[in-house]
Amino acid sequence: MKKSKVITLAVGAVIVLALVIGYRLFGPLVGAKVEQHVVRIDLTRNQVAANGPLPGDVGLYAKELACQQKIPTPGFIRR
């Protein structure tokens, strides 16, 4: 191997090592900022689990649920 290839590999290894160390040190800080952002935009626990609010008008779901709760049957057939 030539001397320049050895130097290139050593510099590449140092850069990769520096990136890994930076990720390990600053990764938790980035994660904490993301959690603070989620709290700031007022997402519920269900919306966080779904990776954000559902798109569109979800008022129809509430209407259907209210209508279904007025019906005395369980919504499925018991055998």
C-alpha atoms as a PDB file:
ATOM      1  CA  MET A   1       0.000   0.000   0.000  1.00  0.00           C
ATOM      2  CA  LYS A   2       1.187   3.449  -0.771  1.00  0.00           C
ATOM      3  CA  LYS A   3       1.705   5.991   1.945  1.00  0.00           C
ATOM      4  CA  SER A   4      -1.085   8.240   0.602  1.00  0.00           C
ATOM      5  CA  LYS A   5      -3.669   5.434   0.841  1.00  0.00           C
ATOM      6  CA  VAL A   6      -2.711   4.758   4.456  1.00  0.00           C
ATOM      7  CA  ILE A   7      -3.056   8.446   5.298  1.00  0.00           C
ATOM      8  CA  THR A   8      -6.407   8.626   3.474  1.00  0.00           C
ATOM      9  CA  LEU A   9      -7.740   5.611   5.391  1.00  0.00           C
ATOM     10  CA  ALA A  10      -6.507   7.020   8.707  1.00  0.00           C
ATOM     11  CA  VAL A  11      -8.145  10.402   8.050  1.00  0.00           C
ATOM     12  CA  GLY A  12     -11.382   8.649   7.017  1.00  0.00           C
ATOM     13  CA  ALA A  13     -11.344   6.571  10.190  1.00  0.00           C
ATOM     14  CA  VAL A  14     -10.816   9.690  12.316  1.00  0.00           C
ATOM     15  CA  ILE A  15     -13.724  11.455  10.583  1.00  0.00           C
ATOM     16  CA  VAL A  16     -16.032   8.467  11.104  1.00  0.00           C
ATOM     17  CA  LEU A  17     -14.966   8.225  14.734  1.00  0.00           C
ATOM     18  CA  ALA A  18     -15.632  11.948  15.245  1.00  0.00           C
ATOM     19  CA  LEU A  19     -19.098  11.582  13.702  1.00  0.00           C
ATOM     20  CA  VAL A  20     -19.948   8.617  15.943  1.00  0.00           C
ATOM     21  CA  ILE A  21     -18.774  10.489  19.040  1.00  0.00           C
ATOM     22  CA  GLY A  22     -20.780  13.568  18.015  1.00  0.00           C
ATOM     23  CA  TYR A  23     -23.882  11.485  17.443  1.00  0.00           C
ATOM     24  CA  ARG A  24     -23.531   9.771  20.816  1.00  0.00           C
ATOM     25  CA  LEU A  25     -22.998  13.087  22.611  1.00  0.00           C
ATOM     26  CA  PHE A  26     -25.581  15.264  20.877  1.00  0.00           C
ATOM     27  CA  GLY A  27     -28.226  12.665  19.948  1.00  0.00           C
ATOM     28  CA  PRO A  28     -30.084  12.930  23.280  1.00  0.00           C
ATOM     29  CA  LEU A  29     -30.197  16.721  22.956  1.00  0.00           C
ATOM     30  CA  VAL A  30     -31.844  16.477  19.551  1.00  0.00           C
ATOM     31  CA  GLY A  31     -34.343  13.916  20.879  1.00  0.00           C
ATOM     32  CA  ALA A  32     -35.234  16.203  23.795  1.00  0.00           C
ATOM     33  CA  LYS A  33     -35.835  19.110  21.411  1.00  0.00           C
ATOM     34  CA  VAL A  34     -38.167  16.957  19.316  1.00  0.00           C
ATOM     35  CA  GLU A  35     -40.151  15.992  22.428  1.00  0.00           C
ATOM     36  CA  GLN A  36     -40.407  19.652  23.451  1.00  0.00           C
ATOM     37  CA  HIS A  37     -41.670  20.512  19.965  1.00  0.00           C
ATOM     38  CA  VAL A  38     -44.368  17.833  20.207  1.00  0.00           C
ATOM     39  CA  VAL A  39     -45.526  19.238  23.553  1.00  0.00           C
ATOM     40  CA  ARG A  40     -45.503  22.775  22.167  1.00  0.00           C
ATOM     41  CA  ILE A  41     -47.848  21.959  19.277  1.00  0.00           C
ATOM     42  CA  ASP A  42     -50.337  20.273  21.637  1.00  0.00           C
ATOM     43  CA  LEU A  43     -50.549  16.766  20.223  1.00  0.00           C
ATOM     44  CA  THR A  44     -52.458  14.228  22.246  1.00  0.00           C
ATOM     45  CA  ARG A  45     -50.947  10.849  23.152  1.00  0.00           C
ATOM     46  CA  ASN A  46     -52.967   9.201  20.367  1.00  0.00           C
ATOM     47  CA  GLN A  47     -51.744  11.745  17.830  1.00  0.00           C
ATOM     48  CA  VAL A  48     -48.148  11.177  18.917  1.00  0.00           C
ATOM     49  CA  ALA A  49     -48.663   7.426  18.463  1.00  0.00           C
ATOM     50  CA  ALA A  50     -50.071   8.074  14.982  1.00  0.00           C
ATOM     51  CA  ASN A  51     -47.130  10.386  14.121  1.00  0.00           C
ATOM     52  CA  GLY A  52     -49.298  13.480  14.020  1.00  0.00           C
ATOM     53  CA  PRO A  53     -52.908  14.521  13.774  1.00  0.00           C
ATOM     54  CA  LEU A  54     -55.208  12.757  11.336  1.00  0.00           C
ATOM     55  CA  PRO A  55     -55.698  14.692   8.096  1.00  0.00           C
ATOM     56  CA  GLY A  56     -59.083  16.076   7.138  1.00  0.00           C
ATOM     57  CA  ASP A  57     -62.304  16.537   9.084  1.00  0.00           C
ATOM     58  CA  VAL A  58     -62.646  13.855  11.736  1.00  0.00           C
ATOM     59  CA  GLY A  59     -65.957  15.221  13.068  1.00  0.00           C
ATOM     60  CA  LEU A  60     -67.817  12.443  11.257  1.00  0.00           C
ATOM     61  CA  TYR A  61     -66.196   9.861  13.527  1.00  0.00           C
ATOM     62  CA  ALA A  62     -67.615  11.621  16.584  1.00  0.00           C
ATOM     63  CA  LYS A  63     -71.095  11.715  15.017  1.00  0.00           C
ATOM     64  CA  GLU A  64     -70.970   8.018  14.170  1.00  0.00           C
ATOM     65  CA  LEU A  65     -69.748   7.133  17.663  1.00  0.00           C
ATOM     66  CA  ALA A  66     -72.532   9.158  19.291  1.00  0.00           C
ATOM     67  CA  CYS A  67     -75.126   7.507  17.057  1.00  0.00           C
ATOM     68  CA  GLN A  68     -73.745   4.025  17.740  1.00  0.00           C
ATOM     69  CA  GLN A  69     -73.747   4.571  21.489  1.00  0.00           C
ATOM     70  CA  LYS A  70     -77.500   5.331  21.397  1.00  0.00           C
ATOM     71  CA  ILE A  71     -78.245   1.886  19.905  1.00  0.00           C
ATOM     72  CA  PRO A  72     -78.806  -0.758  22.621  1.00  0.00           C
ATOM     73  CA  THR A  73     -77.283  -3.625  20.596  1.00  0.00           C
ATOM     74  CA  PRO A  74     -73.599  -4.442  21.000  1.00  0.00           C
ATOM     75  CA  GLY A  75     -72.695  -3.842  17.337  1.00  0.00           C
ATOM     76  CA  PHE A  76     -71.886  -7.495  16.645  1.00  0.00           C
ATOM     77  CA  ILE A  77     -73.870 -10.710  16.503  1.00  0.00           C
ATOM     78  CA  ARG A  78     -73.625 -12.970  19.534  1.00  0.00           C
ATOM     79  CA  ARG A  79     -74.026 -16.674  18.829  1.00  0.00           C
END
